[in-house]
C-alpha atoms as a PDB file:
ATOM      1  CA  UNK A   1      -0.048  -0.081   0.063  1.00  0.00           C
ATOM      2  CA  UNK A   2       1.247   3.159  -0.878  1.00  0.00           C
ATOM      3  CA  UNK A   3       2.455   6.097   1.621  1.00  0.00           C
ATOM      4  CA  UNK A   4      -0.646   8.633   1.950  1.00  0.00           C
ATOM      5  CA  UNK A   5       2.617  11.459   2.946  1.00  0.00           C
ATOM      6  CA  UNK A   6       4.287   9.999  -0.423  1.00  0.00           C
ATOM      7  CA  UNK A   7       0.930  10.063  -2.969  1.00  0.00           C
ATOM      8  CA  UNK A   8       0.029  13.863  -2.057  1.00  0.00           C
ATOM      9  CA  UNK A   9       3.574  14.486  -2.587  1.00  0.00           C
ATOM     10  CA  UNK A  10       3.231  13.563  -5.896  1.00  0.00           C
ATOM     11  CA  UNK A  11      -0.074  15.026  -6.896  1.00  0.00           C
ATOM     12  CA  UNK A  12       1.857  17.972  -5.430  1.00  0.00           C
ATOM     13  CA  UNK A  13       5.162  17.993  -7.706  1.00  0.00           C
ATOM     14  CA  UNK A  14       3.742  16.155 -10.662  1.00  0.00           C
ATOM     15  CA  UNK A  15       0.057  18.113 -11.483  1.00  0.00           C
ATOM     16  CA  UNK A  16      -0.526  21.824 -12.354  1.00  0.00           C
ATOM     17  CA  UNK A  17      -3.192  22.057  -9.700  1.00  0.00           C
ATOM     18  CA  UNK A  18      -0.565  21.026  -7.178  1.00  0.00           C
ATOM     19  CA  UNK A  19       1.970  23.054  -7.991  1.00  0.00           C
ATOM     20  CA  UNK A  20      -1.000  26.096  -8.220  1.00  0.00           C
ATOM     21  CA  UNK A  21      -1.163  24.599  -4.358  1.00  0.00           C
ATOM     22  CA  UNK A  22       2.359  24.817  -3.866  1.00  0.00           C
ATOM     23  CA  UNK A  23       3.172  28.647  -5.031  1.00  0.00           C
ATOM     24  CA  UNK A  24      -0.283  29.923  -2.798  1.00  0.00           C
ATOM     25  CA  UNK A  25       1.524  28.096   0.416  1.00  0.00           C
ATOM     26  CA  UNK A  26       4.748  29.530  -0.351  1.00  0.00           C
ATOM     27  CA  UNK A  27       2.954  33.384  -0.289  1.00  0.00           C
ATOM     28  CA  UNK A  28       1.046  32.508   2.821  1.00  0.00           C
ATOM     29  CA  UNK A  29       4.623  31.075   4.029  1.00  0.00           C
ATOM     30  CA  UNK A  30       6.426  34.511   3.137  1.00  0.00           C
ATOM     31  CA  UNK A  31       3.806  36.356   5.208  1.00  0.00           C
ATOM     32  CA  UNK A  32       3.443  34.889   8.472  1.00  0.00           C
ATOM     33  CA  UNK A  33       7.652  34.819   8.417  1.00  0.00           C
ATOM     34  CA  UNK A  34       8.063  38.042   7.426  1.00  0.00           C
ATOM     35  CA  UNK A  35       5.346  39.402   9.912  1.00  0.00           C
ATOM     36  CA  UNK A  36       6.731  37.002  12.792  1.00  0.00           C
ATOM     37  CA  UNK A  37      10.128  38.685  12.326  1.00  0.00           C
ATOM     38  CA  UNK A  38       9.085  42.231  12.863  1.00  0.00           C
ATOM     39  CA  UNK A  39       9.070  43.136   8.839  1.00  0.00           C
ATOM     40  CA  UNK A  40       6.239  44.160   6.936  1.00  0.00           C
ATOM     41  CA  UNK A  41       5.788  43.921   2.680  1.00  0.00           C
ATOM     42  CA  UNK A  42       3.713  46.441   0.647  1.00  0.00           C
ATOM     43  CA  UNK A  43       1.208  45.017  -1.889  1.00  0.00           C
ATOM     44  CA  UNK A  44       4.358  46.430  -4.952  1.00  0.00           C
ATOM     45  CA  UNK A  45       6.869  44.037  -2.981  1.00  0.00           C
ATOM     46  CA  UNK A  46       4.659  40.619  -2.785  1.00  0.00           C
ATOM     47  CA  UNK A  47       4.804  41.807  -6.717  1.00  0.00           C
ATOM     48  CA  UNK A  48       8.242  40.848  -6.787  1.00  0.00           C
ATOM     49  CA  UNK A  49       7.672  37.134  -6.611  1.00  0.00           C
ATOM     50  CA  UNK A  50       6.443  37.775  -9.922  1.00  0.00           C
ATOM     51  CA  UNK A  51       9.859  37.805 -11.450  1.00  0.00           C
ATOM     52  CA  UNK A  52      11.441  35.124  -9.803  1.00  0.00           C
ATOM     53  CA  UNK A  53       9.100  32.533 -10.512  1.00  0.00           C
ATOM     54  CA  UNK A  54       9.052  33.937 -14.101  1.00  0.00           C
ATOM     55  CA  UNK A  55      13.109  33.468 -14.302  1.00  0.00           C
ATOM     56  CA  UNK A  56      13.001  30.360 -12.200  1.00  0.00           C
ATOM     57  CA  UNK A  57      10.788  28.688 -15.004  1.00  0.00           C
ATOM     58  CA  UNK A  58      12.366  30.195 -17.893  1.00  0.00           C
ATOM     59  CA  UNK A  59      15.935  30.352 -17.143  1.00  0.00           C
ATOM     60  CA  UNK A  60      16.520  27.691 -14.005  1.00  0.00           C
ATOM     61  CA  UNK A  61      17.155  28.603 -10.249  1.00  0.00           C
ATOM     62  CA  UNK A  62      20.741  30.034 -10.103  1.00  0.00           C
ATOM     63  CA  UNK A  63      18.974  33.209 -12.696  1.00  0.00           C
ATOM     64  CA  UNK A  64      15.624  32.821 -10.099  1.00  0.00           C
ATOM     65  CA  UNK A  65      18.565  33.501  -6.930  1.00  0.00           C
ATOM     66  CA  UNK A  66      19.883  36.686  -8.438  1.00  0.00           C
ATOM     67  CA  UNK A  67      16.286  37.747  -9.277  1.00  0.00           C
ATOM     68  CA  UNK A  68      15.252  36.697  -5.390  1.00  0.00           C
ATOM     69  CA  UNK A  69      18.736  38.750  -4.120  1.00  0.00           C
ATOM     70  CA  UNK A  70      17.628  42.101  -6.429  1.00  0.00           C
ATOM     71  CA  UNK A  71      13.742  41.705  -5.377  1.00  0.00           C
ATOM     72  CA  UNK A  72      14.946  41.447  -1.339  1.00  0.00           C
ATOM     73  CA  UNK A  73      16.636  44.207  -1.932  1.00  0.00           C
ATOM     74  CA  UNK A  74      14.368  46.665  -3.675  1.00  0.00           C
ATOM     75  CA  UNK A  75      11.980  44.982  -1.453  1.00  0.00           C
ATOM     76  CA  UNK A  76      13.262  46.054   1.769  1.00  0.00           C
ATOM     77  CA  UNK A  77      15.053  49.730   0.875  1.00  0.00           C
ATOM     78  CA  UNK A  78      12.829  51.047  -1.740  1.00  0.00           C
ATOM     79  CA  UNK A  79       8.897  49.669  -0.908  1.00  0.00           C
ATOM     80  CA  UNK A  80       9.408  49.703   3.182  1.00  0.00           C
ATOM     81  CA  UNK A  81       6.559  51.353   5.259  1.00  0.00           C
ATOM     82  CA  UNK A  82       8.745  54.048   5.377  1.00  0.00           C
ATOM     83  CA  UNK A  83       9.837  54.962   2.192  1.00  0.00           C
ATOM     84  CA  UNK A  84      13.195  55.343   0.587  1.00  0.00           C
ATOM     85  CA  UNK A  85      15.791  53.975   3.180  1.00  0.00           C
ATOM     86  CA  UNK A  86      19.196  52.683   2.559  1.00  0.00           C
ATOM     87  CA  UNK A  87      19.460  52.170   7.144  1.00  0.00           C
ATOM     88  CA  UNK A  88      21.689  49.419   8.563  1.00  0.00           C
ATOM     89  CA  UNK A  89      18.935  48.367  10.630  1.00  0.00           C
ATOM     90  CA  UNK A  90      17.223  47.066   7.633  1.00  0.00           C
ATOM     91  CA  UNK A  91      19.948  44.556   6.716  1.00  0.00           C
ATOM     92  CA  UNK A  92      18.206  41.679   9.337  1.00  0.00           C
ATOM     93  CA  UNK A  93      14.738  42.490   6.890  1.00  0.00           C
ATOM     94  CA  UNK A  94      16.505  41.843   3.904  1.00  0.00           C
ATOM     95  CA  UNK A  95      18.650  39.062   4.628  1.00  0.00           C
ATOM     96  CA  UNK A  96      15.023  37.354   6.682  1.00  0.00           C
ATOM     97  CA  UNK A  97      13.367  38.272   2.445  1.00  0.00           C
ATOM     98  CA  UNK A  98      16.731  36.780   0.626  1.00  0.00           C
ATOM     99  CA  UNK A  99      16.079  33.848   2.434  1.00  0.00           C
ATOM    100  CA  UNK A 100      12.855  33.550   1.327  1.00  0.00           C
ATOM    101  CA  UNK A 101      12.131  34.708  -1.742  1.00  0.00           C
ATOM    102  CA  UNK A 102      15.844  32.745  -2.832  1.00  0.00           C
ATOM    103  CA  UNK A 103      14.101  29.552  -1.015  1.00  0.00           C
ATOM    104  CA  UNK A 104      10.895  30.527  -3.424  1.00  0.00           C
ATOM    105  CA  UNK A 105      12.975  31.480  -6.225  1.00  0.00           C
ATOM    106  CA  UNK A 106      15.370  27.741  -5.856  1.00  0.00           C
ATOM    107  CA  UNK A 107      12.109  25.624  -5.233  1.00  0.00           C
ATOM    108  CA  UNK A 108      10.525  26.959  -8.705  1.00  0.00           C
ATOM    109  CA  UNK A 109      13.634  26.696 -11.100  1.00  0.00           C
ATOM    110  CA  UNK A 110      13.872  23.463  -9.522  1.00  0.00           C
ATOM    111  CA  UNK A 111      10.380  22.606 -10.398  1.00  0.00           C
ATOM    112  CA  UNK A 112      10.857  23.923 -13.603  1.00  0.00           C
ATOM    113  CA  UNK A 113      13.599  21.582 -14.312  1.00  0.00           C
ATOM    114  CA  UNK A 114      11.665  18.826 -13.276  1.00  0.00           C
ATOM    115  CA  UNK A 115       8.836  20.026 -15.933  1.00  0.00           C
ATOM    116  CA  UNK A 116      10.822  20.618 -18.929  1.00  0.00           C
ATOM    117  CA  UNK A 117      12.841  16.795 -17.977  1.00  0.00           C
ATOM    118  CA  UNK A 118       9.753  15.157 -17.787  1.00  0.00           C
ATOM    119  CA  UNK A 119       8.041  16.781 -20.519  1.00  0.00           C
ATOM    120  CA  UNK A 120      11.341  15.941 -23.189  1.00  0.00           C
ATOM    121  CA  UNK A 121      10.859  12.640 -21.912  1.00  0.00           C
ATOM    122  CA  UNK A 122       6.986  12.036 -23.188  1.00  0.00           C
ATOM    123  CA  UNK A 123       7.946  13.921 -26.258  1.00  0.00           C
ATOM    124  CA  UNK A 124      11.170  11.821 -27.055  1.00  0.00           C
ATOM    125  CA  UNK A 125       8.564   8.648 -26.316  1.00  0.00           C
ATOM    126  CA  UNK A 126       5.867  10.136 -28.176  1.00  0.00           C
ATOM    127  CA  UNK A 127       8.682  10.783 -31.315  1.00  0.00           C
ATOM    128  CA  UNK A 128      10.372   6.950 -30.301  1.00  0.00           C
ATOM    129  CA  UNK A 129       6.065   5.204 -30.595  1.00  0.00           C
ATOM    130  CA  UNK A 130       5.782   6.737 -34.041  1.00  0.00           C
ATOM    131  CA  UNK A 131       9.112   6.256 -35.460  1.00  0.00           C
ATOM    132  CA  UNK A 132       8.650   1.893 -34.138  1.00  0.00           C
ATOM    133  CA  UNK A 133       4.995   2.495 -35.692  1.00  0.00           C
ATOM    134  CA  UNK A 134       6.651   3.642 -39.047  1.00  0.00           C
ATOM    135  CA  UNK A 135       9.008   0.639 -39.239  1.00  0.00           C
ATOM    136  CA  UNK A 136       5.889  -1.843 -38.765  1.00  0.00           C
ATOM    137  CA  UNK A 137       4.323  -0.480 -41.626  1.00  0.00           C
ATOM    138  CA  UNK A 138       7.594  -0.320 -43.756  1.00  0.00           C
ATOM    139  CA  UNK A 139       7.467  -3.589 -42.272  1.00  0.00           C
ATOM    140  CA  UNK A 140       4.566  -5.078 -42.692  1.00  0.00           C
ATOM    141  CA  UNK A 141       4.651  -3.569 -46.777  1.00  0.00           C
ATOM    142  CA  UNK A 142       7.740  -5.343 -47.628  1.00  0.00           C
ATOM    143  CA  UNK A 143       6.293  -9.141 -46.219  1.00  0.00           C
ATOM    144  CA  UNK A 144       2.890  -8.502 -47.990  1.00  0.00           C
ATOM    145  CA  UNK A 145       5.922  -8.847 -50.818  1.00  0.00           C
ATOM    146  CA  UNK A 146       7.130 -11.595 -49.640  1.00  0.00           C
ATOM    147  CA  UNK A 147       4.203 -14.069 -48.883  1.00  0.00           C
ATOM    148  CA  UNK A 148       1.793 -12.445 -51.673  1.00  0.00           C
ATOM    149  CA  UNK A 149       2.493 -12.502 -55.665  1.00  0.00           C
ATOM    150  CA  UNK A 150       3.627  -9.166 -55.736  1.00  0.00           C
ATOM    151  CA  UNK A 151       6.111  -7.803 -57.870  1.00  0.00           C
ATOM    152  CA  UNK A 152       8.411  -6.424 -55.083  1.00  0.00           C
ATOM    153  CA  UNK A 153      10.317  -3.896 -58.064  1.00  0.00           C
ATOM    154  CA  UNK A 154       6.773  -1.763 -58.013  1.00  0.00           C
ATOM    155  CA  UNK A 155       7.018  -1.050 -53.865  1.00  0.00           C
ATOM    156  CA  UNK A 156       9.828  -0.066 -53.968  1.00  0.00           C
ATOM    157  CA  UNK A 157       9.297   4.041 -54.339  1.00  0.00           C
ATOM    158  CA  UNK A 158       6.668   2.604 -51.403  1.00  0.00           C
ATOM    159  CA  UNK A 159       9.877   1.122 -48.801  1.00  0.00           C
ATOM    160  CA  UNK A 160      11.779   3.783 -49.806  1.00  0.00           C
ATOM    161  CA  UNK A 161       9.935   6.598 -48.590  1.00  0.00           C
ATOM    162  CA  UNK A 162       9.194   4.690 -45.170  1.00  0.00           C
ATOM    163  CA  UNK A 163      12.470   3.806 -44.370  1.00  0.00           C
ATOM    164  CA  UNK A 164      14.055   7.778 -44.627  1.00  0.00           C
ATOM    165  CA  UNK A 165      10.639   9.053 -42.944  1.00  0.00           C
ATOM    166  CA  UNK A 166      11.445   5.884 -40.405  1.00  0.00           C
ATOM    167  CA  UNK A 167      15.409   6.706 -39.454  1.00  0.00           C
ATOM    168  CA  UNK A 168      14.917  10.658 -40.243  1.00  0.00           C
ATOM    169  CA  UNK A 169      17.256  10.346 -43.342  1.00  0.00           C
ATOM    170  CA  UNK A 170      17.030  13.046 -45.963  1.00  0.00           C
ATOM    171  CA  UNK A 171      17.260  10.856 -48.926  1.00  0.00           C
ATOM    172  CA  UNK A 172      17.100   8.083 -49.872  1.00  0.00           C
ATOM    173  CA  UNK A 173      17.780   5.110 -52.775  1.00  0.00           C
ATOM    174  CA  UNK A 174      17.567   1.333 -54.184  1.00  0.00           C
ATOM    175  CA  UNK A 175      19.842   0.122 -56.121  1.00  0.00           C
ATOM    176  CA  UNK A 176      19.899  -3.454 -57.692  1.00  0.00           C
ATOM    177  CA  UNK A 177      23.199  -3.982 -58.819  1.00  0.00           C
ATOM    178  CA  UNK A 178      24.319  -7.225 -62.186  1.00  0.00           C
ATOM    179  CA  UNK A 179      28.360  -7.182 -60.659  1.00  0.00           C
ATOM    180  CA  UNK A 180      29.375  -5.145 -63.173  1.00  0.00           C
ATOM    181  CA  UNK A 181      27.193  -1.634 -62.731  1.00  0.00           C
ATOM    182  CA  UNK A 182      24.042  -1.005 -61.290  1.00  0.00           C
ATOM    183  CA  UNK A 183      20.788   1.000 -62.128  1.00  0.00           C
ATOM    184  CA  UNK A 184      18.422   3.331 -59.911  1.00  0.00           C
ATOM    185  CA  UNK A 185      15.522   1.398 -59.085  1.00  0.00           C
ATOM    186  CA  UNK A 186      13.563   3.966 -56.536  1.00  0.00           C
ATOM    187  CA  UNK A 187      14.597   7.018 -54.606  1.00  0.00           C
ATOM    188  CA  UNK A 188      13.145   9.290 -52.534  1.00  0.00           C
ATOM    189  CA  UNK A 189      14.264  12.973 -51.023  1.00  0.00           C
ATOM    190  CA  UNK A 190      15.502  13.830 -54.892  1.00  0.00           C
ATOM    191  CA  UNK A 191      14.672  16.904 -56.783  1.00  0.00           C
ATOM    192  CA  UNK A 192      12.449  15.735 -59.773  1.00  0.00           C
ATOM    193  CA  UNK A 193      15.290  17.030 -62.568  1.00  0.00           C
ATOM    194  CA  UNK A 194      17.870  15.050 -60.749  1.00  0.00           C
ATOM    195  CA  UNK A 195      15.706  11.983 -60.321  1.00  0.00           C
ATOM    196  CA  UNK A 196      14.578  11.563 -63.819  1.00  0.00           C
ATOM    197  CA  UNK A 197      18.758  11.839 -64.766  1.00  0.00           C
ATOM    198  CA  UNK A 198      19.439   8.725 -62.333  1.00  0.00           C
ATOM    199  CA  UNK A 199      16.662   6.410 -62.340  1.00  0.00           C
ATOM    200  CA  UNK A 200      17.150   3.694 -64.814  1.00  0.00           C
ATOM    201  CA  UNK A 201      20.658   4.453 -66.255  1.00  0.00           C
ATOM    202  CA  UNK A 202      23.628   1.909 -65.557  1.00  0.00           C
ATOM    203  CA  UNK A 203      26.539   3.145 -63.857  1.00  0.00           C
ATOM    204  CA  UNK A 204      30.296   1.887 -63.962  1.00  0.00           C
ATOM    205  CA  UNK A 205      33.478   3.190 -62.422  1.00  0.00           C
ATOM    206  CA  UNK A 206      34.888   3.820 -58.662  1.00  0.00           C
ATOM    207  CA  UNK A 207      31.271   4.712 -57.684  1.00  0.00           C
ATOM    208  CA  UNK A 208      31.079   0.832 -57.927  1.00  0.00           C
ATOM    209  CA  UNK A 209      33.036   0.607 -54.876  1.00  0.00           C
ATOM    210  CA  UNK A 210      30.506   2.167 -52.852  1.00  0.00           C
ATOM    211  CA  UNK A 211      27.041   0.887 -54.467  1.00  0.00           C
ATOM    212  CA  UNK A 212      28.024  -2.499 -55.294  1.00  0.00           C
ATOM    213  CA  UNK A 213      29.460  -3.611 -52.391  1.00  0.00           C
ATOM    214  CA  UNK A 214      27.699  -6.961 -50.663  1.00  0.00           C
ATOM    215  CA  UNK A 215      28.980  -5.362 -47.119  1.00  0.00           C
ATOM    216  CA  UNK A 216      27.963  -2.134 -45.550  1.00  0.00           C
ATOM    217  CA  UNK A 217      29.516   0.748 -45.980  1.00  0.00           C
ATOM    218  CA  UNK A 218      29.596   4.054 -44.092  1.00  0.00           C
ATOM    219  CA  UNK A 219      30.622   7.168 -45.497  1.00  0.00           C
ATOM    220  CA  UNK A 220      31.246  10.133 -43.139  1.00  0.00           C
ATOM    221  CA  UNK A 221      32.508  12.462 -45.738  1.00  0.00           C
ATOM    222  CA  UNK A 222      30.732  12.645 -49.082  1.00  0.00           C
ATOM    223  CA  UNK A 223      32.992  14.589 -50.983  1.00  0.00           C
ATOM    224  CA  UNK A 224      35.064  11.306 -51.995  1.00  0.00           C
ATOM    225  CA  UNK A 225      36.330  10.439 -55.196  1.00  0.00           C
ATOM    226  CA  UNK A 226      33.953   7.544 -55.471  1.00  0.00           C
ATOM    227  CA  UNK A 227      30.733   9.936 -55.509  1.00  0.00           C
ATOM    228  CA  UNK A 228      32.421  12.600 -57.606  1.00  0.00           C
ATOM    229  CA  UNK A 229      32.752   9.982 -60.720  1.00  0.00           C
ATOM    230  CA  UNK A 230      28.920   9.955 -60.966  1.00  0.00           C
ATOM    231  CA  UNK A 231      27.887  12.915 -61.974  1.00  0.00           C
ATOM    232  CA  UNK A 232      24.214  12.950 -61.075  1.00  0.00           C
ATOM    233  CA  UNK A 233      24.948  12.317 -57.604  1.00  0.00           C
ATOM    234  CA  UNK A 234      27.507  14.773 -57.514  1.00  0.00           C
ATOM    235  CA  UNK A 235      24.849  17.275 -58.084  1.00  0.00           C
ATOM    236  CA  UNK A 236      22.591  15.848 -55.586  1.00  0.00           C
ATOM    237  CA  UNK A 237      25.023  16.106 -52.726  1.00  0.00           C
ATOM    238  CA  UNK A 238      26.045  19.852 -53.710  1.00  0.00           C
ATOM    239  CA  UNK A 239      22.076  20.931 -54.126  1.00  0.00           C
ATOM    240  CA  UNK A 240      20.556  19.499 -50.790  1.00  0.00           C
ATOM    241  CA  UNK A 241      24.057  19.505 -48.832  1.00  0.00           C
ATOM    242  CA  UNK A 242      24.602  15.939 -48.321  1.00  0.00           C
ATOM    243  CA  UNK A 243      27.482  15.266 -45.725  1.00  0.00           C
ATOM    244  CA  UNK A 244      27.279  11.285 -45.136  1.00  0.00           C
ATOM    245  CA  UNK A 245      25.221   8.429 -45.957  1.00  0.00           C
ATOM    246  CA  UNK A 246      25.228   4.741 -45.713  1.00  0.00           C
ATOM    247  CA  UNK A 247      24.670   1.583 -48.203  1.00  0.00           C
ATOM    248  CA  UNK A 248      23.192  -0.915 -47.105  1.00  0.00           C
ATOM    249  CA  UNK A 249      23.154  -4.195 -49.008  1.00  0.00           C
ATOM    250  CA  UNK A 250      20.553  -6.021 -50.525  1.00  0.00           C
ATOM    251  CA  UNK A 251      21.802  -9.892 -50.123  1.00  0.00           C
ATOM    252  CA  UNK A 252      21.181 -13.478 -49.076  1.00  0.00           C
ATOM    253  CA  UNK A 253      23.041 -15.750 -48.845  1.00  0.00           C
ATOM    254  CA  UNK A 254      25.312 -15.618 -51.687  1.00  0.00           C
ATOM    255  CA  UNK A 255      22.946 -14.187 -53.112  1.00  0.00           C
ATOM    256  CA  UNK A 256      23.631 -10.177 -53.972  1.00  0.00           C
ATOM    257  CA  UNK A 257      21.463  -7.533 -55.331  1.00  0.00           C
ATOM    258  CA  UNK A 258      21.569  -4.374 -54.431  1.00  0.00           C
ATOM    259  CA  UNK A 259      22.126  -1.964 -51.835  1.00  0.00           C
ATOM    260  CA  UNK A 260      19.421   0.611 -49.682  1.00  0.00           C
ATOM    261  CA  UNK A 261      21.504   4.339 -49.683  1.00  0.00           C
ATOM    262  CA  UNK A 262      20.673   6.379 -47.128  1.00  0.00           C
ATOM    263  CA  UNK A 263      22.125  10.149 -46.888  1.00  0.00           C
ATOM    264  CA  UNK A 264      21.480  12.979 -44.143  1.00  0.00           C
ATOM    265  CA  UNK A 265      22.419  16.544 -43.940  1.00  0.00           C
ATOM    266  CA  UNK A 266      23.730  16.684 -40.431  1.00  0.00           C
ATOM    267  CA  UNK A 267      26.942  15.062 -40.355  1.00  0.00           C
ATOM    268  CA  UNK A 268      25.669  13.918 -36.579  1.00  0.00           C
ATOM    269  CA  UNK A 269      22.844  11.896 -37.872  1.00  0.00           C
ATOM    270  CA  UNK A 270      24.703   8.538 -39.037  1.00  0.00           C
ATOM    271  CA  UNK A 271      25.548   6.359 -35.907  1.00  0.00           C
ATOM    272  CA  UNK A 272      25.265   2.815 -35.556  1.00  0.00           C
ATOM    273  CA  UNK A 273      21.696   2.663 -34.502  1.00  0.00           C
ATOM    274  CA  UNK A 274      20.346   3.735 -37.864  1.00  0.00           C
ATOM    275  CA  UNK A 275      22.706   1.294 -39.590  1.00  0.00           C
ATOM    276  CA  UNK A 276      21.252  -0.982 -37.385  1.00  0.00           C
ATOM    277  CA  UNK A 277      17.726  -0.037 -38.140  1.00  0.00           C
ATOM    278  CA  UNK A 278      18.939   0.257 -42.332  1.00  0.00           C
ATOM    279  CA  UNK A 279      20.269  -3.441 -42.633  1.00  0.00           C
ATOM    280  CA  UNK A 280      16.929  -4.703 -40.267  1.00  0.00           C
ATOM    281  CA  UNK A 281      14.949  -2.882 -43.331  1.00  0.00           C
ATOM    282  CA  UNK A 282      17.278  -4.214 -46.271  1.00  0.00           C
ATOM    283  CA  UNK A 283      17.201  -8.096 -45.265  1.00  0.00           C
ATOM    284  CA  UNK A 284      13.651  -7.599 -45.391  1.00  0.00           C
ATOM    285  CA  UNK A 285      13.983  -5.940 -48.790  1.00  0.00           C
ATOM    286  CA  UNK A 286      16.398  -8.779 -49.772  1.00  0.00           C
ATOM    287  CA  UNK A 287      13.990 -11.629 -48.681  1.00  0.00           C
ATOM    288  CA  UNK A 288      11.577  -9.671 -50.868  1.00  0.00           C
ATOM    289  CA  UNK A 289      13.277  -9.906 -53.940  1.00  0.00           C
ATOM    290  CA  UNK A 290      14.882 -13.284 -53.897  1.00  0.00           C
ATOM    291  CA  UNK A 291      11.395 -14.597 -53.526  1.00  0.00           C
ATOM    292  CA  UNK A 292      10.588 -12.457 -56.337  1.00  0.00           C
ATOM    293  CA  UNK A 293      13.176 -13.783 -58.355  1.00  0.00           C
ATOM    294  CA  UNK A 294      12.599 -17.723 -57.146  1.00  0.00           C
ATOM    295  CA  UNK A 295       8.559 -17.084 -58.106  1.00  0.00           C
ATOM    296  CA  UNK A 296      10.132 -16.076 -61.841  1.00  0.00           C
ATOM    297  CA  UNK A 297      12.274 -18.935 -61.414  1.00  0.00           C
ATOM    298  CA  UNK A 298       9.842 -21.450 -60.317  1.00  0.00           C
ATOM    299  CA  UNK A 299       7.128 -19.756 -63.214  1.00  0.00           C
ATOM    300  CA  UNK A 300       9.956 -20.108 -66.375  1.00  0.00           C
ATOM    301  CA  UNK A 301      10.748 -23.752 -65.324  1.00  0.00           C
ATOM    302  CA  UNK A 302       7.198 -24.528 -64.994  1.00  0.00           C
ATOM    303  CA  UNK A 303       6.769 -22.814 -68.194  1.00  0.00           C
ATOM    304  CA  UNK A 304       9.631 -24.591 -70.318  1.00  0.00           C
ATOM    305  CA  UNK A 305       8.761 -28.534 -68.495  1.00  0.00           C
ATOM    306  CA  UNK A 306       4.764 -27.709 -70.392  1.00  0.00           C
ATOM    307  CA  UNK A 307       6.135 -26.600 -73.317  1.00  0.00           C
ATOM    308  CA  UNK A 308       8.677 -29.935 -73.359  1.00  0.00           C
ATOM    309  CA  UNK A 309       5.783 -31.739 -72.685  1.00  0.00           C
ATOM    310  CA  UNK A 310       3.905 -30.360 -75.601  1.00  0.00           C
ATOM    311  CA  UNK A 311       6.681 -30.530 -77.809  1.00  0.00           C
ATOM    312  CA  UNK A 312       7.391 -34.540 -77.125  1.00  0.00           C
ATOM    313  CA  UNK A 313       3.151 -34.997 -77.905  1.00  0.00           C
ATOM    314  CA  UNK A 314       3.372 -33.091 -81.289  1.00  0.00           C
ATOM    315  CA  UNK A 315       5.932 -35.572 -82.458  1.00  0.00           C
ATOM    316  CA  UNK A 316       3.445 -38.451 -81.708  1.00  0.00           C
ATOM    317  CA  UNK A 317       0.691 -36.664 -83.513  1.00  0.00           C
ATOM    318  CA  UNK A 318       1.106 -39.108 -86.482  1.00  0.00           C
ATOM    319  CA  UNK A 319       0.349 -42.002 -84.274  1.00  0.00           C
ATOM    320  CA  UNK A 320      -2.299 -41.120 -82.475  1.00  0.00           C
ATOM    321  CA  UNK A 321      -4.728 -39.622 -84.735  1.00  0.00           C
ATOM    322  CA  UNK A 322      -4.675 -35.868 -83.674  1.00  0.00           C
ATOM    323  CA  UNK A 323      -4.870 -36.426 -79.928  1.00  0.00           C
ATOM    324  CA  UNK A 324      -1.592 -34.937 -79.344  1.00  0.00           C
ATOM    325  CA  UNK A 325      -3.817 -31.659 -80.625  1.00  0.00           C
ATOM    326  CA  UNK A 326      -6.354 -32.108 -76.899  1.00  0.00           C
ATOM    327  CA  UNK A 327      -2.974 -32.810 -74.786  1.00  0.00           C
ATOM    328  CA  UNK A 328      -1.172 -29.820 -75.728  1.00  0.00           C
ATOM    329  CA  UNK A 329      -4.333 -27.297 -75.654  1.00  0.00           C
ATOM    330  CA  UNK A 330      -4.914 -29.082 -72.276  1.00  0.00           C
ATOM    331  CA  UNK A 331      -0.988 -27.962 -71.257  1.00  0.00           C
ATOM    332  CA  UNK A 332      -1.660 -24.995 -72.263  1.00  0.00           C
ATOM    333  CA  UNK A 333      -4.606 -24.271 -70.016  1.00  0.00           C
ATOM    334  CA  UNK A 334      -3.011 -25.988 -67.310  1.00  0.00           C
ATOM    335  CA  UNK A 335       0.017 -22.858 -68.111  1.00  0.00           C
ATOM    336  CA  UNK A 336      -2.990 -20.163 -68.468  1.00  0.00           C
ATOM    337  CA  UNK A 337      -4.388 -20.656 -64.741  1.00  0.00           C
ATOM    338  CA  UNK A 338      -0.790 -20.912 -63.550  1.00  0.00           C
ATOM    339  CA  UNK A 339      -0.527 -17.285 -64.670  1.00  0.00           C
ATOM    340  CA  UNK A 340       2.420 -18.003 -67.014  1.00  0.00           C
ATOM    341  CA  UNK A 341       2.318 -16.080 -70.054  1.00  0.00           C
END
């Protein structure tokens, strides 16, 4: 069972109503202590708590303490009931008020820091949850291409968009390689005039070191010669001020299909966590691509088998009196049912 005192304390610290109650109690406490010590505060002196609390909530308890010093001086020597006076007899009142106002300011500053920290933690938690939801949606789209008869290449634009948004990248590119060069299959964040020139063209040369390697590659300086050999990407880098990036291979076993590349403007945006998340997406995409290739190979083999059977039956046409034509039609019907062209 929770301690009632802890419950009340937690309520006063974490709820807006509780914080207002604390501030009111501070004012009451100030009035009682000042009266008991023989001092007096005018209505204007009470208003000096406003800048103290403002400094506490905006700048923290250090500034609140400095503001409390100034407020105590003003309340004691400038707003006293006897008018403006710098009598040394008022020093006791000054120190009492400074202690009280400083206590209010420090407590308010600590409360403000706690509130800012809790708010930031909630914002980070909310952002993290949104990213995870985007990642789940992205992986679900890729899974659909794996388990269903869906052309994975047609999903590349949607996939790269979700990956870029999930990992807070600025540019994303999916490339397909044949071992000698590569083609840009899809991209996101690339200006239209550059995208039209990039997509569909095979690039060869030094640039292949980054785009066609069957292993994870990260680059902290995109001014490297490996990128400048590809003029379209070099123009993209300069136009969007890209500073770093990584290329994750699309690979299943010994089968290497291409790469999923992400690029960032901020040099600090690329870290191990981003690379690990990108590898997860790339692994799913690679499985989908390989699954698509296997389906195409299976369809091709099945069609070749049907054609071979039909050819063998045709050779016996003279001995079957036209029966082979019916068998051929039947075989072609099977092929159509299988979705073969």
